Amino acid sequence: LLPKYLYYFFLSFDLIQISKTANIPLINNPDIYSIQIPLPPLETQHQIVEKLDRQMQALEGVRLLKSEAEKRIEEILAGVWGELSLGNDNEK
């Protein structure tokens, strides 16, 4: 079992569903014993991990682009509002 395969499995698994506690999710050994993890051959696990790694990298790239775009929008808006404010001051 590849550790990263297991990591991705648990990313997609809702651990809160198996938690028996009300307020704070807590997982105990008996809770985990009931989980059935699909176990393909190691080569298939490698392929799955490689595909998911590529998608996670792409997702991180999109997040970075989104963050940069949000900053540029804030800068543009700050400039526009500043220009409008200066224009209003000149009209007084």
Protein backbone atom coordinates (compact mmCIF):
# COMPACT_ATOMS: atom_id res chain seq x y z
CA LEU A 1 0.00 0.00 0.00
CA LEU A 2 1.46 3.33 -1.09
CA PRO A 3 1.24 5.98 1.66
CA LYS A 4 0.24 8.68 -0.84
CA TYR A 5 -2.51 6.42 -2.24
CA LEU A 6 -3.84 6.06 1.30
CA TYR A 7 -3.56 9.83 1.78
CA TYR A 8 -5.67 10.49 -1.32
CA PHE A 9 -8.17 7.84 -0.25
CA PHE A 10 -8.70 9.59 3.06
CA LEU A 11 -8.96 12.99 1.36
CA SER A 12 -12.02 11.66 -0.43
CA PHE A 13 -13.40 9.88 2.61
CA ASP A 14 -15.78 11.64 4.99
CA LEU A 15 -14.25 10.81 8.37
CA ILE A 16 -17.03 12.68 10.17
CA GLN A 17 -19.47 9.99 9.00
CA ILE A 18 -17.73 7.33 11.06
CA SER A 19 -17.10 9.53 14.07
CA LYS A 20 -19.28 8.56 17.01
CA THR A 21 -18.85 11.84 18.89
CA ALA A 22 -21.34 14.68 18.67
CA ASN A 23 -19.36 17.91 18.63
CA ILE A 24 -15.70 17.19 17.94
CA PRO A 25 -14.94 14.55 15.31
CA LEU A 26 -12.89 11.81 16.92
CA ILE A 27 -11.84 8.59 15.25
CA ASN A 28 -10.97 5.52 17.28
CA ASN A 29 -9.49 2.21 16.17
CA PRO A 30 -12.86 0.42 16.13
CA ASP A 31 -14.18 3.15 13.82
CA ILE A 32 -11.31 2.63 11.40
CA TYR A 33 -11.58 -1.15 11.34
CA SER A 34 -14.86 -0.93 9.45
CA ILE A 35 -13.37 1.08 6.59
CA GLN A 36 -12.76 -0.91 3.44
CA ILE A 37 -9.96 0.55 1.36
CA PRO A 38 -9.91 -0.47 -2.31
CA LEU A 39 -6.51 -2.05 -2.88
CA PRO A 40 -5.50 -2.23 -6.53
CA PRO A 41 -2.06 -3.56 -7.55
CA LEU A 42 0.91 -1.32 -6.70
CA GLU A 43 1.37 -0.27 -10.33
CA THR A 44 -2.25 0.93 -10.44
CA GLN A 45 -1.77 2.76 -7.14
CA HIS A 46 1.28 4.52 -8.65
CA GLN A 47 -0.77 5.55 -11.69
CA ILE A 48 -3.60 6.87 -9.52
CA VAL A 49 -1.17 8.84 -7.34
CA GLU A 50 0.59 10.30 -10.39
CA LYS A 51 -2.71 11.45 -11.90
CA LEU A 52 -3.88 12.96 -8.63
CA ASP A 53 -0.51 14.64 -8.05
CA ARG A 54 -0.75 16.30 -11.49
CA GLN A 55 -4.28 17.50 -10.77
CA MET A 56 -3.28 18.81 -7.34
CA GLN A 57 -0.41 20.76 -8.95
CA ALA A 58 -2.81 22.18 -11.53
CA LEU A 59 -5.24 23.12 -8.75
CA GLU A 60 -2.48 24.87 -6.83
CA GLY A 61 -1.58 26.80 -9.99
CA VAL A 62 -5.19 27.90 -10.39
CA ARG A 63 -5.33 28.97 -6.74
CA LEU A 64 -2.18 31.05 -7.23
CA LEU A 65 -3.59 32.67 -10.38
CA LYS A 66 -6.84 33.42 -8.54
CA SER A 67 -4.97 35.01 -5.66
CA GLU A 68 -2.87 37.15 -8.01
CA ALA A 69 -5.96 38.22 -9.96
CA GLU A 70 -7.74 39.19 -6.75
CA LYS A 71 -4.77 41.34 -5.72
CA ARG A 72 -4.69 43.04 -9.14
CA ILE A 73 -8.44 43.71 -8.94
CA GLU A 74 -8.01 45.25 -5.48
CA GLU A 75 -5.18 47.45 -6.79
CA ILE A 76 -7.21 48.56 -9.80
CA LEU A 77 -10.27 49.31 -7.68
CA ALA A 78 -8.17 51.20 -5.14
CA GLY A 79 -6.76 53.27 -8.00
CA VAL A 80 -10.19 53.90 -9.50
CA TRP A 81 -11.73 54.86 -6.16
CA GLY A 82 -8.74 57.07 -5.44
CA GLU A 83 -9.05 58.80 -8.82
CA LEU A 84 -12.79 59.30 -8.34
CA SER A 85 -12.20 60.68 -4.87
CA LEU A 86 -9.62 63.14 -6.18
CA GLY A 87 -11.97 64.13 -8.97
CA ASN A 88 -14.77 64.80 -6.47
CA ASP A 89 -12.42 66.95 -4.37
CA ASN A 90 -11.62 69.09 -7.42
CA GLU A 91 -15.32 69.68 -8.05
CA LYS A 92 -15.88 71.18 -4.59
